[in-house]
C-alpha atoms as a PDB file:
ATOM      1  CA  MET A   1     -41.345  63.579 -49.867  1.00  0.00           C
ATOM      2  CA  SER A   2     -41.114  60.382 -47.849  1.00  0.00           C
ATOM      3  CA  GLY A   3     -41.960  60.210 -44.168  1.00  0.00           C
ATOM      4  CA  ARG A   4     -38.301  59.707 -43.279  1.00  0.00           C
ATOM      5  CA  GLU A   5     -37.379  62.814 -45.255  1.00  0.00           C
ATOM      6  CA  GLN A   6     -40.063  64.829 -43.492  1.00  0.00           C
ATOM      7  CA  ILE A   7     -38.783  63.684 -40.103  1.00  0.00           C
ATOM      8  CA  SER A   8     -35.182  64.376 -41.072  1.00  0.00           C
ATOM      9  CA  ASN A   9     -36.038  67.883 -42.277  1.00  0.00           C
ATOM     10  CA  TYR A  10     -37.985  68.594 -39.086  1.00  0.00           C
ATOM     11  CA  LEU A  11     -35.099  67.449 -36.897  1.00  0.00           C
ATOM     12  CA  LYS A  12     -32.555  69.448 -38.931  1.00  0.00           C
ATOM     13  CA  SER A  13     -34.680  72.570 -38.563  1.00  0.00           C
ATOM     14  CA  PHE A  14     -35.058  71.941 -34.857  1.00  0.00           C
ATOM     15  CA  SER A  15     -31.346  71.327 -34.346  1.00  0.00           C
ATOM     16  CA  ARG A  16     -30.506  74.806 -35.656  1.00  0.00           C
ATOM     17  CA  TYR A  17     -32.257  76.279 -32.636  1.00  0.00           C
ATOM     18  CA  LEU A  18     -30.202  74.278 -30.185  1.00  0.00           C
ATOM     19  CA  ALA A  19     -26.938  76.047 -30.981  1.00  0.00           C
ATOM     20  CA  SER A  20     -26.740  77.497 -27.476  1.00  0.00           C
ATOM     21  CA  LEU A  21     -26.519  73.963 -26.043  1.00  0.00           C
ATOM     22  CA  SER A  22     -23.425  71.808 -26.009  1.00  0.00           C
ATOM     23  CA  SER A  23     -23.245  69.445 -28.957  1.00  0.00           C
ATOM     24  CA  GLU A  24     -23.855  66.500 -26.603  1.00  0.00           C
ATOM     25  CA  ASP A  25     -26.957  68.103 -25.089  1.00  0.00           C
ATOM     26  CA  ALA A  26     -28.296  69.117 -28.504  1.00  0.00           C
ATOM     27  CA  ALA A  27     -27.775  65.587 -29.825  1.00  0.00           C
ATOM     28  CA  GLU A  28     -29.619  64.178 -26.800  1.00  0.00           C
ATOM     29  CA  VAL A  29     -32.590  66.507 -27.363  1.00  0.00           C
ATOM     30  CA  ILE A  30     -32.768  65.578 -31.041  1.00  0.00           C
ATOM     31  CA  GLN A  31     -32.517  61.878 -30.199  1.00  0.00           C
ATOM     32  CA  GLU A  32     -35.369  62.172 -27.685  1.00  0.00           C
ATOM     33  CA  ILE A  33     -37.601  63.993 -30.174  1.00  0.00           C
ATOM     34  CA  GLU A  34     -36.822  61.469 -32.896  1.00  0.00           C
ATOM     35  CA  SER A  35     -37.575  58.616 -30.505  1.00  0.00           C
ATOM     36  CA  HIS A  36     -40.895  60.206 -29.588  1.00  0.00           C
ATOM     37  CA  ILE A  37     -41.836  60.606 -33.258  1.00  0.00           C
ATOM     38  CA  TYR A  38     -41.149  56.943 -34.000  1.00  0.00           C
ATOM     39  CA  ASP A  39     -42.990  55.867 -30.826  1.00  0.00           C
ATOM     40  CA  VAL A  40     -46.094  57.715 -32.043  1.00  0.00           C
ATOM     41  CA  ILE A  41     -45.744  56.123 -35.487  1.00  0.00           C
ATOM     42  CA  ASP A  42     -45.526  52.679 -33.861  1.00  0.00           C
ATOM     43  CA  GLN A  43     -48.573  53.383 -31.680  1.00  0.00           C
ATOM     44  CA  GLN A  44     -50.638  54.469 -34.670  1.00  0.00           C
ATOM     45  CA  GLU A  45     -49.620  51.454 -36.718  1.00  0.00           C
ATOM     46  CA  MET A  46     -50.295  49.055 -33.828  1.00  0.00           C
ATOM     47  CA  ALA A  47     -53.781  50.568 -33.594  1.00  0.00           C
ATOM     48  CA  GLY A  48     -54.313  49.657 -37.254  1.00  0.00           C
ATOM     49  CA  LYS A  49     -53.973  53.215 -38.497  1.00  0.00           C
ATOM     50  CA  GLU A  50     -51.689  54.530 -41.173  1.00  0.00           C
ATOM     51  CA  ALA A  51     -49.146  56.863 -39.566  1.00  0.00           C
ATOM     52  CA  ASN A  52     -49.648  60.437 -40.707  1.00  0.00           C
ATOM     53  CA  ILE A  53     -46.205  62.022 -40.444  1.00  0.00           C
ATOM     54  CA  GLU A  54     -47.436  65.530 -41.220  1.00  0.00           C
ATOM     55  CA  SER A  55     -49.991  65.291 -38.428  1.00  0.00           C
ATOM     56  CA  ILE A  56     -47.440  63.914 -35.974  1.00  0.00           C
ATOM     57  CA  LEU A  57     -44.962  66.709 -36.718  1.00  0.00           C
ATOM     58  CA  ALA A  58     -47.706  69.328 -36.577  1.00  0.00           C
ATOM     59  CA  GLY A  59     -48.639  67.967 -33.157  1.00  0.00           C
ATOM     60  CA  LEU A  60     -45.107  68.652 -31.965  1.00  0.00           C
ATOM     61  CA  GLY A  61     -45.449  72.227 -33.130  1.00  0.00           C
ATOM     62  CA  ALA A  62     -43.693  74.390 -35.623  1.00  0.00           C
ATOM     63  CA  VAL A  63     -39.997  74.864 -35.167  1.00  0.00           C
ATOM     64  CA  SER A  64     -39.482  78.456 -34.103  1.00  0.00           C
ATOM     65  CA  TYR A  65     -36.753  80.360 -32.347  1.00  0.00           C
ATOM     66  CA  THR A  66     -36.932  80.560 -28.594  1.00  0.00           C
ATOM     67  CA  HIS A  67     -34.230  81.432 -26.124  1.00  0.00           C
ATOM     68  CA  LEU A  68     -33.055  78.334 -24.355  1.00  0.00           C
ATOM     69  CA  THR A  69     -31.042  80.077 -21.670  1.00  0.00           C
END
């Protein structure tokens, strides 16, 4: 699975748990998380390291259900 696919799957899983938010708010949260992921990738690559997507996503934590109210 490519890095983009891993990120996409992570964000799709995460978005399921934002159902209690308005669609605009949920989209904003997903956009912020995606931006953070790509910022970390850029930082790693600028430091001369190969970006490890699995490690980055693991650092964000597993997607699990929590009440957002």
